[in-house]
């Protein structure tokens, strides 16, 4: 079952911090958090936000030339969180 949240991962901290700033400037609620160990990423930071904002955020990231390594939908399964890659 989806909990309607997504995390974005990055190749480096610079992109993660630019992504965070972009969301704040657009008044999009977010949480900066360590990358879950189930998800491999070069950078140790990820940004969590609402699934309903995903398409808008993808467009903003492209406009700002921010490279997102991967987006993952957070799924709750048997009481545990799983991370499903979004293409």
PDB file of N, CA and C in Angstrom:
ATOM      1  N   UNK A   1       0.844  -1.170   0.000  1.00  0.00           N
ATOM      2  CA  UNK A   1       0.000   0.000   0.000  1.00  0.00           C
ATOM      3  C   UNK A   1       0.895   1.241   0.000  1.00  0.00           C
ATOM      4  N   UNK A   2       0.617   2.138  -0.930  1.00  0.00           N
ATOM      5  CA  UNK A   2       1.371   3.380  -1.009  1.00  0.00           C
ATOM      6  C   UNK A   2       0.991   4.288   0.158  1.00  0.00           C
ATOM      7  N   UNK A   3       1.973   4.988   0.684  1.00  0.00           N
ATOM      8  CA  UNK A   3       1.661   5.984   1.718  1.00  0.00           C
ATOM      9  C   UNK A   3       1.711   7.386   1.116  1.00  0.00           C
ATOM     10  N   UNK A   4       1.696   7.430  -0.217  1.00  0.00           N
ATOM     11  CA  UNK A   4       1.633   8.687  -0.975  1.00  0.00           C
ATOM     12  C   UNK A   4       2.809   9.609  -0.721  1.00  0.00           C
ATOM     13  N   UNK A   5       3.986   9.009  -0.573  1.00  0.00           N
ATOM     14  CA  UNK A   5       5.208   9.785  -0.431  1.00  0.00           C
ATOM     15  C   UNK A   5       6.269   9.245  -1.372  1.00  0.00           C
ATOM     16  N   UNK A   6       7.164  10.131  -1.755  1.00  0.00           N
ATOM     17  CA  UNK A   6       8.245   9.807  -2.683  1.00  0.00           C
ATOM     18  C   UNK A   6       9.542  10.328  -2.081  1.00  0.00           C
ATOM     19  N   UNK A   7      10.647   9.626  -2.354  1.00  0.00           N
ATOM     20  CA  UNK A   7      11.953  10.202  -2.044  1.00  0.00           C
ATOM     21  C   UNK A   7      12.714  10.372  -3.352  1.00  0.00           C
ATOM     22  N   UNK A   8      13.513  11.410  -3.390  1.00  0.00           N
ATOM     23  CA  UNK A   8      14.414  11.658  -4.512  1.00  0.00           C
ATOM     24  C   UNK A   8      15.834  11.441  -4.009  1.00  0.00           C
ATOM     25  N   UNK A   9      16.647  10.764  -4.824  1.00  0.00           N
ATOM     26  CA  UNK A   9      18.053  10.551  -4.473  1.00  0.00           C
ATOM     27  C   UNK A   9      18.931  11.262  -5.504  1.00  0.00           C
ATOM     28  N   UNK A  10      20.186  11.481  -5.130  1.00  0.00           N
ATOM     29  CA  UNK A  10      21.083  12.313  -5.930  1.00  0.00           C
ATOM     30  C   UNK A  10      22.476  11.714  -5.974  1.00  0.00           C
ATOM     31  N   UNK A  11      23.241  12.105  -7.003  1.00  0.00           N
ATOM     32  CA  UNK A  11      24.623  11.656  -7.111  1.00  0.00           C
ATOM     33  C   UNK A  11      25.554  12.428  -6.187  1.00  0.00           C
ATOM     34  N   UNK A  12      25.142  13.649  -5.816  1.00  0.00           N
ATOM     35  CA  UNK A  12      25.997  14.422  -4.913  1.00  0.00           C
ATOM     36  C   UNK A  12      25.167  15.370  -4.053  1.00  0.00           C
ATOM     37  N   UNK A  13      25.780  15.809  -2.988  1.00  0.00           N
ATOM     38  CA  UNK A  13      25.103  16.669  -2.013  1.00  0.00           C
ATOM     39  C   UNK A  13      24.695  18.000  -2.622  1.00  0.00           C
ATOM     40  N   UNK A  14      25.488  18.504  -3.539  1.00  0.00           N
ATOM     41  CA  UNK A  14      25.172  19.787  -4.185  1.00  0.00           C
ATOM     42  C   UNK A  14      23.780  19.743  -4.826  1.00  0.00           C
ATOM     43  N   UNK A  15      23.477  18.682  -5.562  1.00  0.00           N
ATOM     44  CA  UNK A  15      22.161  18.563  -6.204  1.00  0.00           C
ATOM     45  C   UNK A  15      21.059  18.407  -5.158  1.00  0.00           C
ATOM     46  N   UNK A  16      21.321  17.670  -4.104  1.00  0.00           N
ATOM     47  CA  UNK A  16      20.316  17.500  -3.047  1.00  0.00           C
ATOM     48  C   UNK A  16      19.970  18.842  -2.409  1.00  0.00           C
ATOM     49  N   UNK A  17      20.972  19.661  -2.137  1.00  0.00           N
ATOM     50  CA  UNK A  17      20.733  20.954  -1.507  1.00  0.00           C
ATOM     51  C   UNK A  17      20.047  21.933  -2.455  1.00  0.00           C
ATOM     52  N   UNK A  18      20.400  21.902  -3.732  1.00  0.00           N
ATOM     53  CA  UNK A  18      19.710  22.742  -4.721  1.00  0.00           C
ATOM     54  C   UNK A  18      18.251  22.318  -4.863  1.00  0.00           C
ATOM     55  N   UNK A  19      17.996  21.003  -4.833  1.00  0.00           N
ATOM     56  CA  UNK A  19      16.638  20.462  -4.929  1.00  0.00           C
ATOM     57  C   UNK A  19      15.814  20.930  -3.730  1.00  0.00           C
ATOM     58  N   UNK A  20      16.397  20.827  -2.535  1.00  0.00           N
ATOM     59  CA  UNK A  20      15.713  21.286  -1.322  1.00  0.00           C
ATOM     60  C   UNK A  20      15.359  22.772  -1.439  1.00  0.00           C
ATOM     61  N   UNK A  21      16.310  23.589  -1.860  1.00  0.00           N
ATOM     62  CA  UNK A  21      16.079  25.024  -1.996  1.00  0.00           C
ATOM     63  C   UNK A  21      14.964  25.297  -3.007  1.00  0.00           C
ATOM     64  N   UNK A  22      14.969  24.579  -4.128  1.00  0.00           N
ATOM     65  CA  UNK A  22      13.954  24.754  -5.165  1.00  0.00           C
ATOM     66  C   UNK A  22      12.555  24.456  -4.616  1.00  0.00           C
ATOM     67  N   UNK A  23      12.423  23.364  -3.852  1.00  0.00           N
ATOM     68  CA  UNK A  23      11.114  23.019  -3.293  1.00  0.00           C
ATOM     69  C   UNK A  23      10.654  24.077  -2.296  1.00  0.00           C
ATOM     70  N   UNK A  24      11.565  24.538  -1.451  1.00  0.00           N
ATOM     71  CA  UNK A  24      11.203  25.570  -0.478  1.00  0.00           C
ATOM     72  C   UNK A  24      10.765  26.851  -1.177  1.00  0.00           C
ATOM     73  N   UNK A  25      11.471  27.243  -2.226  1.00  0.00           N
ATOM     74  CA  UNK A  25      11.112  28.453  -2.972  1.00  0.00           C
ATOM     75  C   UNK A  25       9.732  28.337  -3.610  1.00  0.00           C
ATOM     76  N   UNK A  26       9.313  27.104  -3.913  1.00  0.00           N
ATOM     77  CA  UNK A  26       8.006  26.864  -4.519  1.00  0.00           C
ATOM     78  C   UNK A  26       6.968  26.435  -3.485  1.00  0.00           C
ATOM     79  N   UNK A  27       7.326  26.605  -2.204  1.00  0.00           N
ATOM     80  CA  UNK A  27       6.436  26.319  -1.077  1.00  0.00           C
ATOM     81  C   UNK A  27       5.873  24.896  -1.107  1.00  0.00           C
ATOM     82  N   UNK A  28       6.752  23.951  -1.432  1.00  0.00           N
ATOM     83  CA  UNK A  28       6.394  22.531  -1.451  1.00  0.00           C
ATOM     84  C   UNK A  28       6.961  21.900  -0.177  1.00  0.00           C
ATOM     85  N   UNK A  29       6.089  21.258   0.584  1.00  0.00           N
ATOM     86  CA  UNK A  29       6.488  20.621   1.839  1.00  0.00           C
ATOM     87  C   UNK A  29       7.460  19.473   1.552  1.00  0.00           C
ATOM     88  N   UNK A  30       8.549  19.411   2.334  1.00  0.00           N
ATOM     89  CA  UNK A  30       9.573  18.397   2.111  1.00  0.00           C
ATOM     90  C   UNK A  30      10.229  18.021   3.422  1.00  0.00           C
ATOM     91  N   UNK A  31      10.935  16.901   3.388  1.00  0.00           N
ATOM     92  CA  UNK A  31      11.777  16.470   4.498  1.00  0.00           C
ATOM     93  C   UNK A  31      13.100  16.002   3.913  1.00  0.00           C
ATOM     94  N   UNK A  32      14.201  16.556   4.408  1.00  0.00           N
ATOM     95  CA  UNK A  32      15.525  16.068   4.033  1.00  0.00           C
ATOM     96  C   UNK A  32      15.868  14.964   5.016  1.00  0.00           C
ATOM     97  N   UNK A  33      16.339  13.837   4.487  1.00  0.00           N
ATOM     98  CA  UNK A  33      16.614  12.682   5.336  1.00  0.00           C
ATOM     99  C   UNK A  33      17.776  11.881   4.755  1.00  0.00           C
ATOM    100  N   UNK A  34      18.384  11.031   5.569  1.00  0.00           N
ATOM    101  CA  UNK A  34      19.406  10.139   5.016  1.00  0.00           C
ATOM    102  C   UNK A  34      18.771   9.190   4.001  1.00  0.00           C
ATOM    103  N   UNK A  35      19.540   8.802   3.013  1.00  0.00           N
ATOM    104  CA  UNK A  35      19.050   7.825   2.041  1.00  0.00           C
ATOM    105  C   UNK A  35      18.815   6.510   2.781  1.00  0.00           C
ATOM    106  N   UNK A  36      17.623   5.927   2.636  1.00  0.00           N
ATOM    107  CA  UNK A  36      17.373   4.635   3.284  1.00  0.00           C
ATOM    108  C   UNK A  36      18.385   3.593   2.821  1.00  0.00           C
ATOM    109  N   UNK A  37      18.808   2.726   3.711  1.00  0.00           N
ATOM    110  CA  UNK A  37      19.857   1.767   3.338  1.00  0.00           C
ATOM    111  C   UNK A  37      19.402   0.788   2.269  1.00  0.00           C
ATOM    112  N   UNK A  38      18.087   0.629   2.094  1.00  0.00           N
ATOM    113  CA  UNK A  38      17.575  -0.249   1.031  1.00  0.00           C
ATOM    114  C   UNK A  38      17.779   0.355  -0.348  1.00  0.00           C
ATOM    115  N   UNK A  39      18.054   1.645  -0.392  1.00  0.00           N
ATOM    116  CA  UNK A  39      18.227   2.369  -1.644  1.00  0.00           C
ATOM    117  C   UNK A  39      19.686   2.760  -1.755  1.00  0.00           C
ATOM    118  N   UNK A  40      20.308   2.439  -2.870  1.00  0.00           N
ATOM    119  CA  UNK A  40      21.708   2.787  -3.022  1.00  0.00           C
ATOM    120  C   UNK A  40      21.803   4.128  -3.737  1.00  0.00           C
ATOM    121  N   UNK A  41      22.665   4.994  -3.248  1.00  0.00           N
ATOM    122  CA  UNK A  41      22.878   6.295  -3.872  1.00  0.00           C
ATOM    123  C   UNK A  41      24.279   6.780  -3.530  1.00  0.00           C
ATOM    124  N   UNK A  42      24.834   7.612  -4.389  1.00  0.00           N
ATOM    125  CA  UNK A  42      26.177   8.141  -4.163  1.00  0.00           C
ATOM    126  C   UNK A  42      26.184   9.189  -3.057  1.00  0.00           C
ATOM    127  N   UNK A  43      25.098   9.920  -2.948  1.00  0.00           N
ATOM    128  CA  UNK A  43      24.972  10.973  -1.945  1.00  0.00           C
ATOM    129  C   UNK A  43      24.215  10.410  -0.750  1.00  0.00           C
ATOM    130  N   UNK A  44      24.535  10.846   0.432  1.00  0.00           N
ATOM    131  CA  UNK A  44      23.869  10.335   1.629  1.00  0.00           C
ATOM    132  C   UNK A  44      22.545  11.001   1.957  1.00  0.00           C
ATOM    133  N   UNK A  45      22.147  12.023   1.173  1.00  0.00           N
ATOM    134  CA  UNK A  45      20.911  12.743   1.444  1.00  0.00           C
ATOM    135  C   UNK A  45      19.833  12.397   0.431  1.00  0.00           C
ATOM    136  N   UNK A  46      18.600  12.333   0.915  1.00  0.00           N
ATOM    137  CA  UNK A  46      17.442  12.217   0.027  1.00  0.00           C
ATOM    138  C   UNK A  46      16.417  13.238   0.490  1.00  0.00           C
ATOM    139  N   UNK A  47      15.451  13.507  -0.383  1.00  0.00           N
ATOM    140  CA  UNK A  47      14.397  14.466  -0.067  1.00  0.00           C
ATOM    141  C   UNK A  47      13.063  13.758  -0.250  1.00  0.00           C
ATOM    142  N   UNK A  48      12.225  13.834   0.797  1.00  0.00           N
ATOM    143  CA  UNK A  48      10.909  13.187   0.776  1.00  0.00           C
ATOM    144  C   UNK A  48       9.841  14.250   0.567  1.00  0.00           C
ATOM    145  N   UNK A  49       8.838  13.906  -0.258  1.00  0.00           N
ATOM    146  CA  UNK A  49       7.742  14.829  -0.538  1.00  0.00           C
ATOM    147  C   UNK A  49       6.500  14.026  -0.942  1.00  0.00           C
ATOM    148  N   UNK A  50       5.392  14.719  -1.142  1.00  0.00           N
ATOM    149  CA  UNK A  50       4.121  14.082  -1.465  1.00  0.00           C
ATOM    150  C   UNK A  50       4.105  13.557  -2.902  1.00  0.00           C
ATOM    151  N   UNK A  51       3.579  12.354  -3.069  1.00  0.00           N
ATOM    152  CA  UNK A  51       3.454  11.735  -4.388  1.00  0.00           C
ATOM    153  C   UNK A  51       2.650  12.612  -5.341  1.00  0.00           C
ATOM    154  N   UNK A  52       1.649  13.306  -4.839  1.00  0.00           N
ATOM    155  CA  UNK A  52       0.801  14.131  -5.709  1.00  0.00           C
ATOM    156  C   UNK A  52       1.571  15.286  -6.350  1.00  0.00           C
ATOM    157  N   UNK A  53       2.724  15.638  -5.812  1.00  0.00           N
ATOM    158  CA  UNK A  53       3.549  16.728  -6.346  1.00  0.00           C
ATOM    159  C   UNK A  53       4.613  16.242  -7.337  1.00  0.00           C
ATOM    160  N   UNK A  54       4.698  14.935  -7.564  1.00  0.00           N
ATOM    161  CA  UNK A  54       5.811  14.363  -8.329  1.00  0.00           C
ATOM    162  C   UNK A  54       5.975  14.981  -9.714  1.00  0.00           C
ATOM    163  N   UNK A  55       4.928  15.034 -10.517  1.00  0.00           N
ATOM    164  CA  UNK A  55       5.068  15.537 -11.887  1.00  0.00           C
ATOM    165  C   UNK A  55       5.487  17.004 -11.895  1.00  0.00           C
ATOM    166  N   UNK A  56       4.920  17.792 -11.012  1.00  0.00           N
ATOM    167  CA  UNK A  56       5.297  19.196 -10.895  1.00  0.00           C
ATOM    168  C   UNK A  56       6.775  19.325 -10.504  1.00  0.00           C
ATOM    169  N   UNK A  57       7.204  18.491  -9.559  1.00  0.00           N
ATOM    170  CA  UNK A  57       8.585  18.540  -9.085  1.00  0.00           C
ATOM    171  C   UNK A  57       9.554  18.087 -10.176  1.00  0.00           C
ATOM    172  N   UNK A  58       9.193  17.067 -10.935  1.00  0.00           N
ATOM    173  CA  UNK A  58      10.052  16.633 -12.050  1.00  0.00           C
ATOM    174  C   UNK A  58      10.259  17.775 -13.047  1.00  0.00           C
ATOM    175  N   UNK A  59       9.189  18.494 -13.351  1.00  0.00           N
ATOM    176  CA  UNK A  59       9.285  19.613 -14.286  1.00  0.00           C
ATOM    177  C   UNK A  59      10.154  20.727 -13.713  1.00  0.00           C
ATOM    178  N   UNK A  60       9.973  21.040 -12.432  1.00  0.00           N
ATOM    179  CA  UNK A  60      10.793  22.065 -11.778  1.00  0.00           C
ATOM    180  C   UNK A  60      12.270  21.677 -11.794  1.00  0.00           C
ATOM    181  N   UNK A  61      12.562  20.425 -11.478  1.00  0.00           N
ATOM    182  CA  UNK A  61      13.958  19.964 -11.457  1.00  0.00           C
ATOM    183  C   UNK A  61      14.581  20.092 -12.848  1.00  0.00           C
ATOM    184  N   UNK A  62      13.831  19.741 -13.878  1.00  0.00           N
ATOM    185  CA  UNK A  62      14.338  19.868 -15.247  1.00  0.00           C
ATOM    186  C   UNK A  62      14.588  21.338 -15.584  1.00  0.00           C
ATOM    187  N   UNK A  63      13.646  22.212 -15.225  1.00  0.00           N
ATOM    188  CA  UNK A  63      13.797  23.647 -15.493  1.00  0.00           C
ATOM    189  C   UNK A  63      15.012  24.237 -14.786  1.00  0.00           C
ATOM    190  N   UNK A  64      15.313  23.737 -13.585  1.00  0.00           N
ATOM    191  CA  UNK A  64      16.446  24.239 -12.794  1.00  0.00           C
ATOM    192  C   UNK A  64      17.734  23.450 -13.036  1.00  0.00           C
ATOM    193  N   UNK A  65      17.676  22.498 -13.973  1.00  0.00           N
ATOM    194  CA  UNK A  65      18.828  21.656 -14.311  1.00  0.00           C
ATOM    195  C   UNK A  65      19.429  20.972 -13.084  1.00  0.00           C
ATOM    196  N   UNK A  66      18.529  20.435 -12.250  1.00  0.00           N
ATOM    197  CA  UNK A  66      18.947  19.678 -11.070  1.00  0.00           C
ATOM    198  C   UNK A  66      18.840  18.198 -11.425  1.00  0.00           C
ATOM    199  N   UNK A  67      19.940  17.486 -11.288  1.00  0.00           N
ATOM    200  CA  UNK A  67      19.967  16.072 -11.653  1.00  0.00           C
ATOM    201  C   UNK A  67      19.525  15.205 -10.478  1.00  0.00           C
ATOM    202  N   UNK A  68      18.388  14.568 -10.652  1.00  0.00           N
ATOM    203  CA  UNK A  68      17.885  13.611  -9.668  1.00  0.00           C
ATOM    204  C   UNK A  68      18.314  12.230 -10.146  1.00  0.00           C
ATOM    205  N   UNK A  69      18.968  11.493  -9.273  1.00  0.00           N
ATOM    206  CA  UNK A  69      19.416  10.153  -9.664  1.00  0.00           C
ATOM    207  C   UNK A  69      18.221   9.232  -9.868  1.00  0.00           C
ATOM    208  N   UNK A  70      17.289   9.230  -8.905  1.00  0.00           N
ATOM    209  CA  UNK A  70      16.128   8.346  -8.994  1.00  0.00           C
ATOM    210  C   UNK A  70      15.057   8.818  -8.027  1.00  0.00           C
ATOM    211  N   UNK A  71      13.809   8.563  -8.405  1.00  0.00           N
ATOM    212  CA  UNK A  71      12.665   8.786  -7.522  1.00  0.00           C
ATOM    213  C   UNK A  71      12.159   7.419  -7.071  1.00  0.00           C
ATOM    214  N   UNK A  72      11.736   7.321  -5.808  1.00  0.00           N
ATOM    215  CA  UNK A  72      11.205   6.078  -5.250  1.00  0.00           C
ATOM    216  C   UNK A  72       9.894   6.353  -4.530  1.00  0.00           C
ATOM    217  N   UNK A  73       8.874   5.583  -4.855  1.00  0.00           N
ATOM    218  CA  UNK A  73       7.629   5.658  -4.105  1.00  0.00           C
ATOM    219  C   UNK A  73       7.785   4.821  -2.849  1.00  0.00           C
ATOM    220  N   UNK A  74       7.303   5.338  -1.730  1.00  0.00           N
ATOM    221  CA  UNK A  74       7.386   4.614  -0.465  1.00  0.00           C
ATOM    222  C   UNK A  74       6.138   3.749  -0.326  1.00  0.00           C
ATOM    223  N   UNK A  75       6.348   2.460  -0.157  1.00  0.00           N
ATOM    224  CA  UNK A  75       5.272   1.477  -0.045  1.00  0.00           C
ATOM    225  C   UNK A  75       5.328   0.852   1.339  1.00  0.00           C
ATOM    226  N   UNK A  76       4.173   0.711   1.988  1.00  0.00           N
ATOM    227  CA  UNK A  76       4.089   0.023   3.272  1.00  0.00           C
ATOM    228  C   UNK A  76       3.582  -1.389   3.014  1.00  0.00           C
ATOM    229  N   UNK A  77       4.403  -2.377   3.361  1.00  0.00           N
ATOM    230  CA  UNK A  77       4.072  -3.777   3.090  1.00  0.00           C
ATOM    231  C   UNK A  77       4.442  -4.615   4.311  1.00  0.00           C
ATOM    232  N   UNK A  78       3.458  -5.290   4.885  1.00  0.00           N
ATOM    233  CA  UNK A  78       3.682  -6.110   6.080  1.00  0.00           C
ATOM    234  C   UNK A  78       4.328  -5.293   7.204  1.00  0.00           C
ATOM    235  N   UNK A  79       3.897  -4.037   7.339  1.00  0.00           N
ATOM    236  CA  UNK A  79       4.411  -3.180   8.397  1.00  0.00           C
ATOM    237  C   UNK A  79       5.800  -2.623   8.153  1.00  0.00           C
ATOM    238  N   UNK A  80       6.375  -2.886   6.972  1.00  0.00           N
ATOM    239  CA  UNK A  80       7.713  -2.401   6.647  1.00  0.00           C
ATOM    240  C   UNK A  80       7.659  -1.493   5.432  1.00  0.00           C
ATOM    241  N   UNK A  81       8.558  -0.528   5.414  1.00  0.00           N
ATOM    242  CA  UNK A  81       8.641   0.365   4.262  1.00  0.00           C
ATOM    243  C   UNK A  81       9.502  -0.277   3.174  1.00  0.00           C
ATOM    244  N   UNK A  82       9.000  -0.186   1.952  1.00  0.00           N
ATOM    245  CA  UNK A  82       9.754  -0.600   0.764  1.00  0.00           C
ATOM    246  C   UNK A  82       9.834   0.603  -0.149  1.00  0.00           C
ATOM    247  N   UNK A  83      10.802   0.598  -1.029  1.00  0.00           N
ATOM    248  CA  UNK A  83      11.022   1.723  -1.928  1.00  0.00           C
ATOM    249  C   UNK A  83      10.970   1.208  -3.362  1.00  0.00           C
ATOM    250  N   UNK A  84       9.950   1.655  -4.083  1.00  0.00           N
ATOM    251  CA  UNK A  84       9.696   1.204  -5.445  1.00  0.00           C
ATOM    252  C   UNK A  84      10.185   2.283  -6.417  1.00  0.00           C
ATOM    253  N   UNK A  85      11.191   1.937  -7.240  1.00  0.00           N
ATOM    254  CA  UNK A  85      11.728   2.906  -8.196  1.00  0.00           C
ATOM    255  C   UNK A  85      10.657   3.326  -9.185  1.00  0.00           C
ATOM    256  N   UNK A  86      10.625   4.621  -9.459  1.00  0.00           N
ATOM    257  CA  UNK A  86       9.681   5.189 -10.421  1.00  0.00           C
ATOM    258  C   UNK A  86      10.457   5.546 -11.662  1.00  0.00           C
ATOM    259  N   UNK A  87       9.988   5.090 -12.800  1.00  0.00           N
ATOM    260  CA  UNK A  87      10.681   5.404 -14.067  1.00  0.00           C
ATOM    261  C   UNK A  87      10.275   6.746 -14.596  1.00  0.00           C
TER     262      UNK A  87
END
